[in-house]
N, C-alpha and C. Protein backbone atom coordinates (compact mmCIF):
# COMPACT_ATOMS: atom_id res chain seq x y z
N MET A 1 43.08 7.59 -2.34
CA MET A 1 42.19 8.05 -1.75
C MET A 1 41.13 7.32 -1.64
N ALA A 2 39.90 7.39 -0.56
CA ALA A 2 38.90 7.06 -0.50
C ALA A 2 37.53 7.48 -1.12
N LYS A 3 36.57 6.53 -1.64
CA LYS A 3 35.54 6.96 -1.91
C LYS A 3 34.20 6.66 -1.08
N VAL A 4 33.40 7.94 -1.33
CA VAL A 4 32.67 7.52 -0.21
C VAL A 4 31.41 6.52 -0.51
N VAL A 5 31.03 5.88 0.07
CA VAL A 5 29.24 4.73 -0.30
C VAL A 5 28.51 5.90 -0.15
N LYS A 6 27.32 5.88 -0.26
CA LYS A 6 26.37 6.50 0.12
C LYS A 6 24.60 6.26 -0.09
N CYS A 7 23.83 6.11 0.24
CA CYS A 7 22.35 5.32 0.54
C CYS A 7 21.77 6.55 -0.92
N PRO A 8 20.92 5.47 -1.54
CA PRO A 8 20.37 5.84 -2.85
C PRO A 8 19.35 6.31 -2.38
N VAL A 9 18.93 6.18 -1.31
CA VAL A 9 17.32 6.63 -0.99
C VAL A 9 17.51 8.18 -0.36
N CYS A 10 18.48 8.20 0.90
CA CYS A 10 18.52 9.37 1.85
C CYS A 10 19.83 10.28 1.42
N THR A 11 20.78 9.60 0.93
CA THR A 11 21.96 10.03 0.42
C THR A 11 23.02 10.23 2.09
N LYS A 12 23.12 9.23 2.89
CA LYS A 12 23.43 9.58 4.24
C LYS A 12 24.54 8.54 3.89
N ARG A 13 25.76 9.07 4.35
CA ARG A 13 27.44 8.54 3.61
C ARG A 13 27.02 6.93 5.02
N LEU A 14 27.47 6.15 4.06
CA LEU A 14 27.22 4.79 4.95
C LEU A 14 28.84 4.23 5.04
N MET A 15 29.58 4.51 4.26
CA MET A 15 30.86 3.73 5.01
C MET A 15 31.87 4.41 3.54
N ASP A 16 33.44 4.06 3.94
CA ASP A 16 34.50 4.49 2.71
C ASP A 16 34.87 3.45 2.12
N MET A 17 35.24 3.40 0.99
CA MET A 17 35.49 2.68 0.54
C MET A 17 37.13 2.53 0.02
N LEU A 18 38.08 2.11 0.74
CA LEU A 18 39.41 2.19 0.01
C LEU A 18 39.95 1.71 -1.10
N SER A 19 39.32 -0.09 -1.33
CA SER A 19 39.68 -0.59 -2.23
C SER A 19 39.08 -1.79 -2.74
N ALA A 20 38.64 -2.48 -3.37
CA ALA A 20 38.00 -3.66 -3.71
C ALA A 20 37.88 -4.13 -4.93
N LYS A 21 38.02 -5.36 -4.95
CA LYS A 21 38.11 -5.88 -6.39
C LYS A 21 36.76 -6.53 -6.84
N GLU A 22 36.15 -7.16 -5.80
CA GLU A 22 35.00 -7.80 -5.83
C GLU A 22 33.96 -8.14 -4.55
N ALA A 23 32.90 -7.84 -4.23
CA ALA A 23 32.55 -8.11 -3.11
C ALA A 23 30.60 -7.36 -2.98
N GLU A 24 29.52 -7.66 -2.38
CA GLU A 24 28.22 -7.89 -2.27
C GLU A 24 28.13 -7.92 -0.58
N LEU A 25 27.40 -7.17 -0.14
CA LEU A 25 26.98 -6.66 1.42
C LEU A 25 25.88 -5.96 1.36
N GLN A 26 25.16 -6.27 2.17
CA GLN A 26 23.81 -5.73 2.79
C GLN A 26 24.12 -4.62 4.23
N ILE A 27 23.74 -3.28 3.99
CA ILE A 27 23.88 -2.44 4.98
C ILE A 27 22.21 -2.09 5.51
N LYS A 28 22.10 -1.89 6.19
CA LYS A 28 20.95 -1.05 6.81
C LYS A 28 20.96 0.49 7.10
N CYS A 29 20.80 1.11 6.66
CA CYS A 29 20.95 2.54 6.74
C CYS A 29 20.27 2.89 7.92
N PRO A 30 20.82 3.69 8.50
CA PRO A 30 20.79 4.23 10.32
C PRO A 30 19.87 5.42 9.90
N LYS A 31 20.06 6.11 9.01
CA LYS A 31 18.65 7.05 8.54
C LYS A 31 17.31 7.22 8.53
N CYS A 32 16.78 6.38 7.32
CA CYS A 32 16.12 6.00 6.74
C CYS A 32 15.63 4.48 6.73
N LYS A 33 16.65 3.46 7.65
CA LYS A 33 16.34 2.70 8.06
C LYS A 33 15.66 1.20 6.92
N LYS A 34 16.38 1.60 5.37
CA LYS A 34 16.19 1.29 4.37
C LYS A 34 16.83 0.10 4.50
N VAL A 35 16.72 -0.91 3.78
CA VAL A 35 18.16 -2.38 3.47
C VAL A 35 18.79 -1.98 2.05
N ILE A 36 20.30 -1.77 2.05
CA ILE A 36 20.90 -1.35 0.98
C ILE A 36 21.65 -2.18 0.17
N ASN A 37 21.87 -3.20 -0.57
CA ASN A 37 22.62 -3.93 -1.20
C ASN A 37 23.84 -3.16 -2.23
N VAL A 38 24.91 -3.32 -1.57
CA VAL A 38 26.02 -2.72 -2.06
C VAL A 38 26.94 -3.69 -2.81
N SER A 39 27.65 -3.56 -4.26
CA SER A 39 28.15 -3.95 -4.62
C SER A 39 29.29 -2.99 -4.87
N PHE A 40 30.62 -4.00 -5.11
CA PHE A 40 31.65 -3.72 -5.14
C PHE A 40 32.45 -4.44 -6.54
N LEU A 41 32.95 -3.63 -7.54
CA LEU A 41 33.66 -4.32 -8.93
C LEU A 41 34.25 -3.43 -9.33
N ASN A 42 35.86 -3.69 -8.94
CA ASN A 42 36.94 -3.14 -9.68
C ASN A 42 37.04 -1.48 -9.21
N ASN A 43 36.85 -1.34 -7.59
CA ASN A 43 37.07 -0.15 -7.14
C ASN A 43 35.95 0.74 -7.49
N GLN A 44 34.51 0.21 -8.24
CA GLN A 44 33.59 0.97 -8.17
C GLN A 44 32.78 0.62 -7.32
N ALA A 45 31.61 1.55 -6.73
CA ALA A 45 30.37 1.22 -5.59
C ALA A 45 29.32 1.49 -6.05
N HIS A 46 28.36 0.24 -6.07
CA HIS A 46 26.69 0.40 -6.55
C HIS A 46 26.14 0.36 -5.51
N GLY A 47 24.92 0.95 -5.26
CA GLY A 47 23.79 0.99 -4.06
C GLY A 47 22.74 1.08 -4.72
N GLU A 48 21.71 -0.33 -4.06
CA GLU A 48 20.69 0.24 -4.58
C GLU A 48 19.54 -0.53 -3.35
N ALA A 49 18.31 0.03 -3.00
CA ALA A 49 17.47 -0.34 -2.22
C ALA A 49 17.04 -1.33 -2.68
N VAL A 50 16.23 -2.41 -1.07
CA VAL A 50 15.68 -3.36 -1.41
C VAL A 50 14.25 -3.23 -0.98
């Protein structure tokens, strides 16, 4: 089952995550235009605005 990764500022859906062991990436939110650092660790996603 996919988990939804949302923007922590405006709660817009950024992506769906199927599974992730470990990764980090930066995404620019298309709605609020903030840069979001997304961390994946053991199928958990955590996002914070820069």
